[in-house]
Structures are given as structure tokens and as C-alpha cells.
Amino acid sequence: MNTDKIYAESIAKEYAPKDSSKIVALRKLDRKAKLPATIFTYTFGIFFALVFGTGMCLAMQVIGSGVADMVLGIAIGIIGMVGCGVNYPIYKKMLENGKKKYAYEIVELAREISEGK
């Protein structure tokens, strides 16, 4: 096995001009189906992780002091935990809807590619 030849071919592929082939179109459609769910999930997850962290800081009296802040921190922490907990089911539902939306186009394009080769 000639590893130099394999390496040279992989480098050449990187610099070869990219054409608008069906594979590229299929990848774009796949990305288009999955990207909204991914962006929403990261944003939602980060927000509620910050809410949870704020609640923990209040509950442990890192910020604020007194019983009222501790109770408020516990309440905010629970809201953050619930938000983090529902993040994955929301993601699955959004991903499923995105896949349904583009399923016909992706399947047709994949069928054309598999029959063409």
C-alpha cells in the first residue's frame, strides 16, 4: 500500500475545484433539514444552563445573602433544570419536523445518485 500516493490524492482533492454536483446538493439539503434544530437547541440549552447557574449561585449565597435570596435561587435553579431537561425532547421533535419537511427531496436526490453510479 502506497501511503504517499493516498496522501497526495487527498491533498489534491482539497484543492480541486468543487462542482455543483448532486452529492453537494444532498449535503446542503441534509444540513438545511438539521440546522434549525441544532441552533435552537444550543441557544436554548446555553440559556437555561445560565439560568440554572444563576439559581445555584443565589441558593449557595455566592451572590446575594439571606433566606429570601436562597429561596429565590432554588426556584430559579428549578426553572433552569426544567429548561435543560426539556431541551432534548424539543430537539428531537424539531429534528423530526425538519426531516419530514425535506424528506421527499432528499430521498429523490439520493435515489438519483444511487441509480446514476
PDB file of N, CA and C in Angstrom:
ATOM      1  N   MET A   1       0.851  -1.176   0.000  1.00  0.00           N
ATOM      2  CA  MET A   1       0.000   0.000   0.000  1.00  0.00           C
ATOM      3  C   MET A   1       0.894   1.235   0.000  1.00  0.00           C
ATOM      4  N   ASN A   2       0.633   2.128  -0.918  1.00  0.00           N
ATOM      5  CA  ASN A   2       1.449   3.316  -1.075  1.00  0.00           C
ATOM      6  C   ASN A   2       0.780   4.484  -0.348  1.00  0.00           C
ATOM      7  N   THR A   3       1.227   4.771   0.844  1.00  0.00           N
ATOM      8  CA  THR A   3       0.605   5.833   1.639  1.00  0.00           C
ATOM      9  C   THR A   3       0.905   7.216   1.083  1.00  0.00           C
ATOM     10  N   ASP A   4       2.044   7.371   0.415  1.00  0.00           N
ATOM     11  CA  ASP A   4       2.364   8.675  -0.185  1.00  0.00           C
ATOM     12  C   ASP A   4       1.372   9.019  -1.283  1.00  0.00           C
ATOM     13  N   LYS A   5       1.005   8.031  -2.068  1.00  0.00           N
ATOM     14  CA  LYS A   5       0.046   8.252  -3.150  1.00  0.00           C
ATOM     15  C   LYS A   5      -1.333   8.620  -2.581  1.00  0.00           C
ATOM     16  N   ILE A   6      -1.759   7.917  -1.530  1.00  0.00           N
ATOM     17  CA  ILE A   6      -3.051   8.203  -0.895  1.00  0.00           C
ATOM     18  C   ILE A   6      -3.046   9.609  -0.315  1.00  0.00           C
ATOM     19  N   TYR A   7      -1.958   9.967   0.337  1.00  0.00           N
ATOM     20  CA  TYR A   7      -1.836  11.303   0.926  1.00  0.00           C
ATOM     21  C   TYR A   7      -1.875  12.376  -0.160  1.00  0.00           C
ATOM     22  N   ALA A   8      -1.161  12.155  -1.247  1.00  0.00           N
ATOM     23  CA  ALA A   8      -1.135  13.130  -2.344  1.00  0.00           C
ATOM     24  C   ALA A   8      -2.517  13.300  -2.960  1.00  0.00           C
ATOM     25  N   GLU A   9      -3.243  12.202  -3.115  1.00  0.00           N
ATOM     26  CA  GLU A   9      -4.593  12.286  -3.678  1.00  0.00           C
ATOM     27  C   GLU A   9      -5.542  13.041  -2.747  1.00  0.00           C
ATOM     28  N   SER A  10      -5.404  12.832  -1.439  1.00  0.00           N
ATOM     29  CA  SER A  10      -6.279  13.536  -0.506  1.00  0.00           C
ATOM     30  C   SER A  10      -5.990  15.031  -0.510  1.00  0.00           C
ATOM     31  N   ILE A  11      -4.729  15.410  -0.635  1.00  0.00           N
ATOM     32  CA  ILE A  11      -4.371  16.831  -0.721  1.00  0.00           C
ATOM     33  C   ILE A  11      -4.903  17.417  -2.024  1.00  0.00           C
ATOM     34  N   ALA A  12      -4.763  16.683  -3.106  1.00  0.00           N
ATOM     35  CA  ALA A  12      -5.243  17.167  -4.406  1.00  0.00           C
ATOM     36  C   ALA A  12      -6.750  17.379  -4.395  1.00  0.00           C
ATOM     37  N   LYS A  13      -7.493  16.513  -3.694  1.00  0.00           N
ATOM     38  CA  LYS A  13      -8.951  16.664  -3.614  1.00  0.00           C
ATOM     39  C   LYS A  13      -9.342  17.958  -2.925  1.00  0.00           C
ATOM     40  N   GLU A  14      -8.557  18.365  -1.927  1.00  0.00           N
ATOM     41  CA  GLU A  14      -8.863  19.595  -1.208  1.00  0.00           C
ATOM     42  C   GLU A  14      -8.775  20.815  -2.114  1.00  0.00           C
ATOM     43  N   TYR A  15      -7.839  20.788  -3.064  1.00  0.00           N
ATOM     44  CA  TYR A  15      -7.605  21.957  -3.909  1.00  0.00           C
ATOM     45  C   TYR A  15      -8.306  21.881  -5.252  1.00  0.00           C
ATOM     46  N   ALA A  16      -8.924  20.771  -5.543  1.00  0.00           N
ATOM     47  CA  ALA A  16      -9.648  20.620  -6.797  1.00  0.00           C
ATOM     48  C   ALA A  16     -10.893  21.499  -6.766  1.00  0.00           C
ATOM     49  N   PRO A  17     -11.261  22.076  -7.908  1.00  0.00           N
ATOM     50  CA  PRO A  17     -12.465  22.913  -7.928  1.00  0.00           C
ATOM     51  C   PRO A  17     -13.710  22.091  -7.612  1.00  0.00           C
ATOM     52  N   LYS A  18     -14.551  22.667  -6.777  1.00  0.00           N
ATOM     53  CA  LYS A  18     -15.779  21.973  -6.382  1.00  0.00           C
ATOM     54  C   LYS A  18     -16.878  22.309  -7.395  1.00  0.00           C
ATOM     55  N   ASP A  19     -17.477  21.278  -7.916  1.00  0.00           N
ATOM     56  CA  ASP A  19     -18.585  21.499  -8.832  1.00  0.00           C
ATOM     57  C   ASP A  19     -19.904  21.365  -8.078  1.00  0.00           C
ATOM     58  N   SER A  20     -20.957  21.797  -8.701  1.00  0.00           N
ATOM     59  CA  SER A  20     -22.277  21.746  -8.078  1.00  0.00           C
ATOM     60  C   SER A  20     -22.900  20.383  -8.366  1.00  0.00           C
ATOM     61  N   SER A  21     -22.348  19.359  -7.765  1.00  0.00           N
ATOM     62  CA  SER A  21     -22.817  18.009  -8.039  1.00  0.00           C
ATOM     63  C   SER A  21     -24.020  17.670  -7.163  1.00  0.00           C
ATOM     64  N   LYS A  22     -24.559  16.532  -7.405  1.00  0.00           N
ATOM     65  CA  LYS A  22     -25.727  16.084  -6.654  1.00  0.00           C
ATOM     66  C   LYS A  22     -25.367  15.751  -5.213  1.00  0.00           C
ATOM     67  N   ILE A  23     -24.146  15.291  -4.996  1.00  0.00           N
ATOM     68  CA  ILE A  23     -23.712  14.992  -3.627  1.00  0.00           C
ATOM     69  C   ILE A  23     -23.672  16.271  -2.802  1.00  0.00           C
ATOM     70  N   VAL A  24     -23.148  17.333  -3.394  1.00  0.00           N
ATOM     71  CA  VAL A  24     -23.089  18.619  -2.692  1.00  0.00           C
ATOM     72  C   VAL A  24     -24.500  19.114  -2.392  1.00  0.00           C
ATOM     73  N   ALA A  25     -25.397  18.963  -3.351  1.00  0.00           N
ATOM     74  CA  ALA A  25     -26.788  19.367  -3.146  1.00  0.00           C
ATOM     75  C   ALA A  25     -27.446  18.535  -2.050  1.00  0.00           C
ATOM     76  N   LEU A  26     -27.126  17.251  -2.012  1.00  0.00           N
ATOM     77  CA  LEU A  26     -27.674  16.374  -0.973  1.00  0.00           C
ATOM     78  C   LEU A  26     -27.169  16.776   0.408  1.00  0.00           C
ATOM     79  N   ARG A  27     -25.895  17.101   0.504  1.00  0.00           N
ATOM     80  CA  ARG A  27     -25.342  17.558   1.782  1.00  0.00           C
ATOM     81  C   ARG A  27     -25.984  18.863   2.231  1.00  0.00           C
ATOM     82  N   LYS A  28     -26.213  19.766   1.289  1.00  0.00           N
ATOM     83  CA  LYS A  28     -26.845  21.044   1.626  1.00  0.00           C
ATOM     84  C   LYS A  28     -28.272  20.837   2.124  1.00  0.00           C
ATOM     85  N   LEU A  29     -29.000  19.956   1.473  1.00  0.00           N
ATOM     86  CA  LEU A  29     -30.364  19.664   1.920  1.00  0.00           C
ATOM     87  C   LEU A  29     -30.367  19.030   3.305  1.00  0.00           C
ATOM     88  N   ASP A  30     -29.435  18.123   3.538  1.00  0.00           N
ATOM     89  CA  ASP A  30     -29.332  17.488   4.845  1.00  0.00           C
ATOM     90  C   ASP A  30     -29.026  18.528   5.916  1.00  0.00           C
ATOM     91  N   ARG A  31     -28.109  19.417   5.630  1.00  0.00           N
ATOM     92  CA  ARG A  31     -27.752  20.478   6.573  1.00  0.00           C
ATOM     93  C   ARG A  31     -28.947  21.410   6.805  1.00  0.00           C
ATOM     94  N   LYS A  32     -29.664  21.691   5.731  1.00  0.00           N
ATOM     95  CA  LYS A  32     -30.835  22.573   5.821  1.00  0.00           C
ATOM     96  C   LYS A  32     -31.931  21.964   6.694  1.00  0.00           C
ATOM     97  N   ALA A  33     -32.044  20.660   6.671  1.00  0.00           N
ATOM     98  CA  ALA A  33     -33.047  19.970   7.483  1.00  0.00           C
ATOM     99  C   ALA A  33     -32.664  19.946   8.956  1.00  0.00           C
ATOM    100  N   LYS A  34     -31.359  19.857   9.259  1.00  0.00           N
ATOM    101  CA  LYS A  34     -30.910  19.685  10.640  1.00  0.00           C
ATOM    102  C   LYS A  34     -30.494  20.975  11.336  1.00  0.00           C
ATOM    103  N   LEU A  35     -30.087  21.995  10.593  1.00  0.00           N
ATOM    104  CA  LEU A  35     -29.503  23.188  11.197  1.00  0.00           C
ATOM    105  C   LEU A  35     -30.437  23.965  12.125  1.00  0.00           C
ATOM    106  N   PRO A  36     -31.698  24.213  11.768  1.00  0.00           N
ATOM    107  CA  PRO A  36     -32.555  24.974  12.694  1.00  0.00           C
ATOM    108  C   PRO A  36     -32.712  24.314  14.059  1.00  0.00           C
ATOM    109  N   ALA A  37     -32.859  23.001  14.073  1.00  0.00           N
ATOM    110  CA  ALA A  37     -32.993  22.293  15.353  1.00  0.00           C
ATOM    111  C   ALA A  37     -31.716  22.404  16.162  1.00  0.00           C
ATOM    112  N   THR A  38     -30.582  22.301  15.505  1.00  0.00           N
ATOM    113  CA  THR A  38     -29.303  22.374  16.204  1.00  0.00           C
ATOM    114  C   THR A  38     -29.075  23.759  16.797  1.00  0.00           C
ATOM    115  N   ILE A  39     -29.328  24.791  16.018  1.00  0.00           N
ATOM    116  CA  ILE A  39     -29.133  26.164  16.504  1.00  0.00           C
ATOM    117  C   ILE A  39     -30.060  26.445  17.678  1.00  0.00           C
ATOM    118  N   PHE A  40     -31.321  26.067  17.545  1.00  0.00           N
ATOM    119  CA  PHE A  40     -32.263  26.300  18.633  1.00  0.00           C
ATOM    120  C   PHE A  40     -31.830  25.561  19.891  1.00  0.00           C
ATOM    121  N   THR A  41     -31.403  24.312  19.746  1.00  0.00           N
ATOM    122  CA  THR A  41     -31.033  23.504  20.898  1.00  0.00           C
ATOM    123  C   THR A  41     -29.845  24.085  21.638  1.00  0.00           C
ATOM    124  N   TYR A  42     -28.822  24.489  20.912  1.00  0.00           N
ATOM    125  CA  TYR A  42     -27.662  25.090  21.576  1.00  0.00           C
ATOM    126  C   TYR A  42     -28.053  26.381  22.287  1.00  0.00           C
ATOM    127  N   THR A  43     -28.823  27.237  21.631  1.00  0.00           N
ATOM    128  CA  THR A  43     -29.228  28.506  22.237  1.00  0.00           C
ATOM    129  C   THR A  43     -30.081  28.272  23.476  1.00  0.00           C
ATOM    130  N   PHE A  44     -31.069  27.420  23.359  1.00  0.00           N
ATOM    131  CA  PHE A  44     -31.972  27.100  24.461  1.00  0.00           C
ATOM    132  C   PHE A  44     -31.202  26.475  25.621  1.00  0.00           C
ATOM    133  N   GLY A  45     -30.318  25.539  25.308  1.00  0.00           N
ATOM    134  CA  GLY A  45     -29.540  24.858  26.334  1.00  0.00           C
ATOM    135  C   GLY A  45     -28.595  25.792  27.071  1.00  0.00           C
ATOM    136  N   ILE A  46     -27.908  26.655  26.332  1.00  0.00           N
ATOM    137  CA  ILE A  46     -26.994  27.602  26.964  1.00  0.00           C
ATOM    138  C   ILE A  46     -27.757  28.566  27.857  1.00  0.00           C
ATOM    139  N   PHE A  47     -28.884  29.054  27.368  1.00  0.00           N
ATOM    140  CA  PHE A  47     -29.678  29.998  28.166  1.00  0.00           C
ATOM    141  C   PHE A  47     -30.117  29.368  29.490  1.00  0.00           C
ATOM    142  N   PHE A  48     -30.677  28.163  29.415  1.00  0.00           N
ATOM    143  CA  PHE A  48     -31.175  27.548  30.649  1.00  0.00           C
ATOM    144  C   PHE A  48     -30.047  27.027  31.547  1.00  0.00           C
ATOM    145  N   ALA A  49     -28.887  26.722  30.980  1.00  0.00           N
ATOM    146  CA  ALA A  49     -27.741  26.394  31.826  1.00  0.00           C
ATOM    147  C   ALA A  49     -27.301  27.633  32.612  1.00  0.00           C
ATOM    148  N   LEU A  50     -27.351  28.793  31.972  1.00  0.00           N
ATOM    149  CA  LEU A  50     -27.024  30.035  32.676  1.00  0.00           C
ATOM    150  C   LEU A  50     -28.067  30.361  33.744  1.00  0.00           C
ATOM    151  N   VAL A  51     -29.345  30.108  33.437  1.00  0.00           N
ATOM    152  CA  VAL A  51     -30.397  30.309  34.433  1.00  0.00           C
ATOM    153  C   VAL A  51     -30.163  29.384  35.626  1.00  0.00           C
ATOM    154  N   PHE A  52     -29.849  28.122  35.342  1.00  0.00           N
ATOM    155  CA  PHE A  52     -29.573  27.162  36.410  1.00  0.00           C
ATOM    156  C   PHE A  52     -28.376  27.604  37.245  1.00  0.00           C
ATOM    157  N   GLY A  53     -27.329  28.062  36.597  1.00  0.00           N
ATOM    158  CA  GLY A  53     -26.141  28.525  37.310  1.00  0.00           C
ATOM    159  C   GLY A  53     -26.421  29.734  38.182  1.00  0.00           C
ATOM    160  N   THR A  54     -27.242  30.642  37.681  1.00  0.00           N
ATOM    161  CA  THR A  54     -27.623  31.809  38.477  1.00  0.00           C
ATOM    162  C   THR A  54     -28.410  31.377  39.711  1.00  0.00           C
ATOM    163  N   GLY A  55     -29.310  30.454  39.525  1.00  0.00           N
ATOM    164  CA  GLY A  55     -30.076  29.929  40.655  1.00  0.00           C
ATOM    165  C   GLY A  55     -29.181  29.264  41.678  1.00  0.00           C
ATOM    166  N   MET A  56     -28.188  28.509  41.204  1.00  0.00           N
ATOM    167  CA  MET A  56     -27.264  27.852  42.129  1.00  0.00           C
ATOM    168  C   MET A  56     -26.432  28.884  42.896  1.00  0.00           C
ATOM    169  N   CYS A  57     -26.011  29.936  42.208  1.00  0.00           N
ATOM    170  CA  CYS A  57     -25.228  30.984  42.885  1.00  0.00           C
ATOM    171  C   CYS A  57     -26.067  31.673  43.957  1.00  0.00           C
ATOM    172  N   LEU A  58     -27.326  31.923  43.649  1.00  0.00           N
ATOM    173  CA  LEU A  58     -28.199  32.538  44.645  1.00  0.00           C
ATOM    174  C   LEU A  58     -28.467  31.582  45.803  1.00  0.00           C
ATOM    175  N   ALA A  59     -28.696  30.324  45.499  1.00  0.00           N
ATOM    176  CA  ALA A  59     -29.015  29.350  46.549  1.00  0.00           C
ATOM    177  C   ALA A  59     -27.830  29.117  47.474  1.00  0.00           C
ATOM    178  N   MET A  60     -26.631  29.141  46.933  1.00  0.00           N
ATOM    179  CA  MET A  60     -25.442  28.910  47.760  1.00  0.00           C
ATOM    180  C   MET A  60     -24.883  30.220  48.309  1.00  0.00           C
ATOM    181  N   GLN A  61     -25.585  31.296  48.059  1.00  0.00           N
ATOM    182  CA  GLN A  61     -25.264  32.635  48.544  1.00  0.00           C
ATOM    183  C   GLN A  61     -23.897  33.126  48.086  1.00  0.00           C
ATOM    184  N   VAL A  62     -23.536  32.763  46.875  1.00  0.00           N
ATOM    185  CA  VAL A  62     -22.343  33.337  46.253  1.00  0.00           C
ATOM    186  C   VAL A  62     -22.660  34.767  45.847  1.00  0.00           C
ATOM    187  N   ILE A  63     -23.864  34.950  45.319  1.00  0.00           N
ATOM    188  CA  ILE A  63     -24.382  36.294  45.088  1.00  0.00           C
ATOM    189  C   ILE A  63     -25.630  36.435  45.955  1.00  0.00           C
ATOM    190  N   GLY A  64     -25.793  37.575  46.547  1.00  0.00           N
ATOM    191  CA  GLY A  64     -26.927  37.779  47.446  1.00  0.00           C
ATOM    192  C   GLY A  64     -26.664  37.139  48.795  1.00  0.00           C
ATOM    193  N   SER A  65     -27.540  37.466  49.732  1.00  0.00           N
ATOM    194  CA  SER A  65     -27.417  36.869  51.068  1.00  0.00           C
ATOM    195  C   SER A  65     -28.789  36.856  51.707  1.00  0.00           C
ATOM    196  N   GLY A  66     -28.998  35.948  52.582  1.00  0.00           N
ATOM    197  CA  GLY A  66     -30.279  35.860  53.272  1.00  0.00           C
ATOM    198  C   GLY A  66     -31.111  34.712  52.772  1.00  0.00           C
ATOM    199  N   VAL A  67     -32.155  34.443  53.521  1.00  0.00           N
ATOM    200  CA  VAL A  67     -33.037  33.319  53.219  1.00  0.00           C
ATOM    201  C   VAL A  67     -33.863  33.584  51.965  1.00  0.00           C
ATOM    202  N   ALA A  68     -34.271  34.838  51.764  1.00  0.00           N
ATOM    203  CA  ALA A  68     -35.092  35.172  50.592  1.00  0.00           C
ATOM    204  C   ALA A  68     -34.333  34.905  49.301  1.00  0.00           C
ATOM    205  N   ASP A  69     -33.055  35.283  49.253  1.00  0.00           N
ATOM    206  CA  ASP A  69     -32.251  35.028  48.059  1.00  0.00           C
ATOM    207  C   ASP A  69     -32.022  33.531  47.850  1.00  0.00           C
ATOM    208  N   MET A  70     -31.892  32.787  48.958  1.00  0.00           N
ATOM    209  CA  MET A  70     -31.697  31.351  48.840  1.00  0.00           C
ATOM    210  C   MET A  70     -32.942  30.682  48.261  1.00  0.00           C
ATOM    211  N   VAL A  71     -34.112  31.083  48.730  1.00  0.00           N
ATOM    212  CA  VAL A  71     -35.368  30.518  48.216  1.00  0.00           C
ATOM    213  C   VAL A  71     -35.558  30.918  46.755  1.00  0.00           C
ATOM    214  N   LEU A  72     -35.255  32.168  46.429  1.00  0.00           N
ATOM    215  CA  LEU A  72     -35.345  32.631  45.040  1.00  0.00           C
ATOM    216  C   LEU A  72     -34.375  31.829  44.168  1.00  0.00           C
ATOM    217  N   GLY A  73     -33.174  31.572  44.681  1.00  0.00           N
ATOM    218  CA  GLY A  73     -32.187  30.798  43.939  1.00  0.00           C
ATOM    219  C   GLY A  73     -32.637  29.377  43.680  1.00  0.00           C
ATOM    220  N   ILE A  74     -33.284  28.773  44.652  1.00  0.00           N
ATOM    221  CA  ILE A  74     -33.797  27.409  44.464  1.00  0.00           C
ATOM    222  C   ILE A  74     -34.870  27.404  43.380  1.00  0.00           C
ATOM    223  N   ALA A  75     -35.752  28.399  43.408  1.00  0.00           N
ATOM    224  CA  ALA A  75     -36.814  28.486  42.394  1.00  0.00           C
ATOM    225  C   ALA A  75     -36.221  28.701  40.999  1.00  0.00           C
ATOM    226  N   ILE A  76     -35.253  29.605  40.895  1.00  0.00           N
ATOM    227  CA  ILE A  76     -34.625  29.864  39.599  1.00  0.00           C
ATOM    228  C   ILE A  76     -33.856  28.630  39.127  1.00  0.00           C
ATOM    229  N   GLY A  77     -33.191  27.945  40.047  1.00  0.00           N
ATOM    230  CA  GLY A  77     -32.466  26.718  39.696  1.00  0.00           C
ATOM    231  C   GLY A  77     -33.382  25.635  39.175  1.00  0.00           C
ATOM    232  N   ILE A  78     -34.551  25.507  39.790  1.00  0.00           N
ATOM    233  CA  ILE A  78     -35.517  24.501  39.318  1.00  0.00           C
ATOM    234  C   ILE A  78     -36.004  24.847  37.916  1.00  0.00           C
ATOM    235  N   ILE A  79     -36.247  26.139  37.664  1.00  0.00           N
ATOM    236  CA  ILE A  79     -36.648  26.564  36.312  1.00  0.00           C
ATOM    237  C   ILE A  79     -35.550  26.216  35.312  1.00  0.00           C
ATOM    238  N   GLY A  80     -34.287  26.460  35.690  1.00  0.00           N
ATOM    239  CA  GLY A  80     -33.169  26.128  34.811  1.00  0.00           C
ATOM    240  C   GLY A  80     -33.050  24.636  34.556  1.00  0.00           C
ATOM    241  N   MET A  81     -33.263  23.832  35.599  1.00  0.00           N
ATOM    242  CA  MET A  81     -33.194  22.376  35.428  1.00  0.00           C
ATOM    243  C   MET A  81     -34.301  21.883  34.507  1.00  0.00           C
ATOM    244  N   VAL A  82     -35.500  22.427  34.675  1.00  0.00           N
ATOM    245  CA  VAL A  82     -36.612  22.017  33.808  1.00  0.00           C
ATOM    246  C   VAL A  82     -36.314  22.403  32.361  1.00  0.00           C
ATOM    247  N   GLY A  83     -35.785  23.620  32.162  1.00  0.00           N
ATOM    248  CA  GLY A  83     -35.430  24.054  30.808  1.00  0.00           C
ATOM    249  C   GLY A  83     -34.390  23.151  30.176  1.00  0.00           C
ATOM    250  N   CYS A  84     -33.374  22.783  30.943  1.00  0.00           N
ATOM    251  CA  CYS A  84     -32.347  21.868  30.427  1.00  0.00           C
ATOM    252  C   CYS A  84     -32.928  20.479  30.177  1.00  0.00           C
ATOM    253  N   GLY A  85     -33.860  20.072  31.005  1.00  0.00           N
ATOM    254  CA  GLY A  85     -34.459  18.746  30.866  1.00  0.00           C
ATOM    255  C   GLY A  85     -35.339  18.597  29.641  1.00  0.00           C
ATOM    256  N   VAL A  86     -36.035  19.651  29.254  1.00  0.00           N
ATOM    257  CA  VAL A  86     -36.921  19.561  28.093  1.00  0.00           C
ATOM    258  C   VAL A  86     -36.198  19.879  26.790  1.00  0.00           C
ATOM    259  N   ASN A  87     -34.939  20.256  26.887  1.00  0.00           N
ATOM    260  CA  ASN A  87     -34.197  20.647  25.689  1.00  0.00           C
ATOM    261  C   ASN A  87     -34.081  19.499  24.686  1.00  0.00           C
ATOM    262  N   TYR A  88     -33.708  18.323  25.125  1.00  0.00           N
ATOM    263  CA  TYR A  88     -33.528  17.200  24.204  1.00  0.00           C
ATOM    264  C   TYR A  88     -34.837  16.749  23.543  1.00  0.00           C
ATOM    265  N   PRO A  89     -35.943  16.611  24.285  1.00  0.00           N
ATOM    266  CA  PRO A  89     -37.193  16.259  23.593  1.00  0.00           C
ATOM    267  C   PRO A  89     -37.621  17.306  22.559  1.00  0.00           C
ATOM    268  N   ILE A  90     -37.388  18.581  22.868  1.00  0.00           N
ATOM    269  CA  ILE A  90     -37.707  19.622  21.891  1.00  0.00           C
ATOM    270  C   ILE A  90     -36.828  19.465  20.656  1.00  0.00           C
ATOM    271  N   TYR A  91     -35.543  19.189  20.871  1.00  0.00           N
ATOM    272  CA  TYR A  91     -34.620  18.983  19.758  1.00  0.00           C
ATOM    273  C   TYR A  91     -35.075  17.821  18.875  1.00  0.00           C
ATOM    274  N   LYS A  92     -35.428  16.697  19.503  1.00  0.00           N
ATOM    275  CA  LYS A  92     -35.866  15.540  18.725  1.00  0.00           C
ATOM    276  C   LYS A  92     -37.093  15.873  17.882  1.00  0.00           C
ATOM    277  N   LYS A  93     -38.037  16.608  18.463  1.00  0.00           N
ATOM    278  CA  LYS A  93     -39.258  16.963  17.738  1.00  0.00           C
ATOM    279  C   LYS A  93     -38.950  17.909  16.576  1.00  0.00           C
ATOM    280  N   MET A  94     -38.099  18.906  16.830  1.00  0.00           N
ATOM    281  CA  MET A  94     -37.742  19.842  15.761  1.00  0.00           C
ATOM    282  C   MET A  94     -36.963  19.141  14.647  1.00  0.00           C
ATOM    283  N   LEU A  95     -36.076  18.229  15.010  1.00  0.00           N
ATOM    284  CA  LEU A  95     -35.306  17.484  14.010  1.00  0.00           C
ATOM    285  C   LEU A  95     -36.224  16.608  13.171  1.00  0.00           C
ATOM    286  N   GLU A  96     -37.173  15.971  13.830  1.00  0.00           N
ATOM    287  CA  GLU A  96     -38.142  15.132  13.113  1.00  0.00           C
ATOM    288  C   GLU A  96     -38.953  15.967  12.121  1.00  0.00           C
ATOM    289  N   ASN A  97     -39.387  17.150  12.543  1.00  0.00           N
ATOM    290  CA  ASN A  97     -40.149  18.029  11.649  1.00  0.00           C
ATOM    291  C   ASN A  97     -39.295  18.509  10.479  1.00  0.00           C
ATOM    292  N   GLY A  98     -38.030  18.831  10.747  1.00  0.00           N
ATOM    293  CA  GLY A  98     -37.138  19.252   9.671  1.00  0.00           C
ATOM    294  C   GLY A  98     -36.890  18.138   8.675  1.00  0.00           C
ATOM    295  N   LYS A  99     -36.738  16.923   9.175  1.00  0.00           N
ATOM    296  CA  LYS A  99     -36.527  15.786   8.280  1.00  0.00           C
ATOM    297  C   LYS A  99     -37.778  15.504   7.450  1.00  0.00           C
ATOM    298  N   LYS A 100     -38.951  15.632   8.062  1.00  0.00           N
ATOM    299  CA  LYS A 100     -40.193  15.437   7.313  1.00  0.00           C
ATOM    300  C   LYS A 100     -40.326  16.459   6.201  1.00  0.00           C
ATOM    301  N   LYS A 101     -39.932  17.685   6.495  1.00  0.00           N
ATOM    302  CA  LYS A 101     -40.072  18.779   5.534  1.00  0.00           C
ATOM    303  C   LYS A 101     -39.247  18.529   4.269  1.00  0.00           C
ATOM    304  N   TYR A 102     -38.035  18.007   4.434  1.00  0.00           N
ATOM    305  CA  TYR A 102     -37.140  17.818   3.298  1.00  0.00           C
ATOM    306  C   TYR A 102     -36.997  16.362   2.883  1.00  0.00           C
ATOM    307  N   ALA A 103     -37.766  15.474   3.461  1.00  0.00           N
ATOM    308  CA  ALA A 103     -37.606  14.039   3.201  1.00  0.00           C
ATOM    309  C   ALA A 103     -37.776  13.686   1.732  1.00  0.00           C
ATOM    310  N   TYR A 104     -38.803  14.209   1.096  1.00  0.00           N
ATOM    311  CA  TYR A 104     -39.078  13.847  -0.297  1.00  0.00           C
ATOM    312  C   TYR A 104     -37.917  14.258  -1.194  1.00  0.00           C
ATOM    313  N   GLU A 105     -37.440  15.504  -1.037  1.00  0.00           N
ATOM    314  CA  GLU A 105     -36.350  15.988  -1.881  1.00  0.00           C
ATOM    315  C   GLU A 105     -35.067  15.189  -1.649  1.00  0.00           C
ATOM    316  N   ILE A 106     -34.771  14.888  -0.393  1.00  0.00           N
ATOM    317  CA  ILE A 106     -33.549  14.161  -0.073  1.00  0.00           C
ATOM    318  C   ILE A 106     -33.610  12.736  -0.620  1.00  0.00           C
ATOM    319  N   VAL A 107     -34.747  12.081  -0.448  1.00  0.00           N
ATOM    320  CA  VAL A 107     -34.886  10.705  -0.937  1.00  0.00           C
ATOM    321  C   VAL A 107     -34.789  10.665  -2.460  1.00  0.00           C
ATOM    322  N   GLU A 108     -35.426  11.610  -3.133  1.00  0.00           N
ATOM    323  CA  GLU A 108     -35.365  11.637  -4.602  1.00  0.00           C
ATOM    324  C   GLU A 108     -33.937  11.877  -5.094  1.00  0.00           C
ATOM    325  N   LEU A 109     -33.252  12.821  -4.472  1.00  0.00           N
ATOM    326  CA  LEU A 109     -31.879  13.110  -4.874  1.00  0.00           C
ATOM    327  C   LEU A 109     -30.961  11.932  -4.565  1.00  0.00           C
ATOM    328  N   ALA A 110     -31.154  11.291  -3.444  1.00  0.00           N
ATOM    329  CA  ALA A 110     -30.345  10.117  -3.094  1.00  0.00           C
ATOM    330  C   ALA A 110     -30.618   8.972  -4.074  1.00  0.00           C
ATOM    331  N   ARG A 111     -31.853   8.834  -4.482  1.00  0.00           N
ATOM    332  CA  ARG A 111     -32.201   7.786  -5.455  1.00  0.00           C
ATOM    333  C   ARG A 111     -31.527   8.071  -6.803  1.00  0.00           C
ATOM    334  N   GLU A 112     -31.529   9.347  -7.209  1.00  0.00           N
ATOM    335  CA  GLU A 112     -30.860   9.702  -8.480  1.00  0.00           C
ATOM    336  C   GLU A 112     -29.372   9.402  -8.408  1.00  0.00           C
ATOM    337  N   ILE A 113     -28.766   9.721  -7.274  1.00  0.00           N
ATOM    338  CA  ILE A 113     -27.330   9.484  -7.125  1.00  0.00           C
ATOM    339  C   ILE A 113     -27.019   7.991  -7.144  1.00  0.00           C
ATOM    340  N   SER A 114     -27.815   7.211  -6.421  1.00  0.00           N
ATOM    341  CA  SER A 114     -27.532   5.763  -6.352  1.00  0.00           C
ATOM    342  C   SER A 114     -27.793   5.075  -7.687  1.00  0.00           C
ATOM    343  N   GLU A 115     -28.764   5.529  -8.438  1.00  0.00           N
ATOM    344  CA  GLU A 115     -29.049   4.918  -9.748  1.00  0.00           C
ATOM    345  C   GLU A 115     -28.062   5.381 -10.802  1.00  0.00           C
ATOM    346  N   GLY A 116     -27.529   6.572 -10.635  1.00  0.00           N
ATOM    347  CA  GLY A 116     -26.608   7.127 -11.624  1.00  0.00           C
ATOM    348  C   GLY A 116     -25.231   6.514 -11.578  1.00  0.00           C
ATOM    349  N   LYS A 117     -24.852   5.937 -10.470  1.00  0.00           N
ATOM    350  CA  LYS A 117     -23.485   5.391 -10.346  1.00  0.00           C
ATOM    351  C   LYS A 117     -23.413   3.953 -10.698  1.00  0.00           C
TER     352      LYS A 117
END
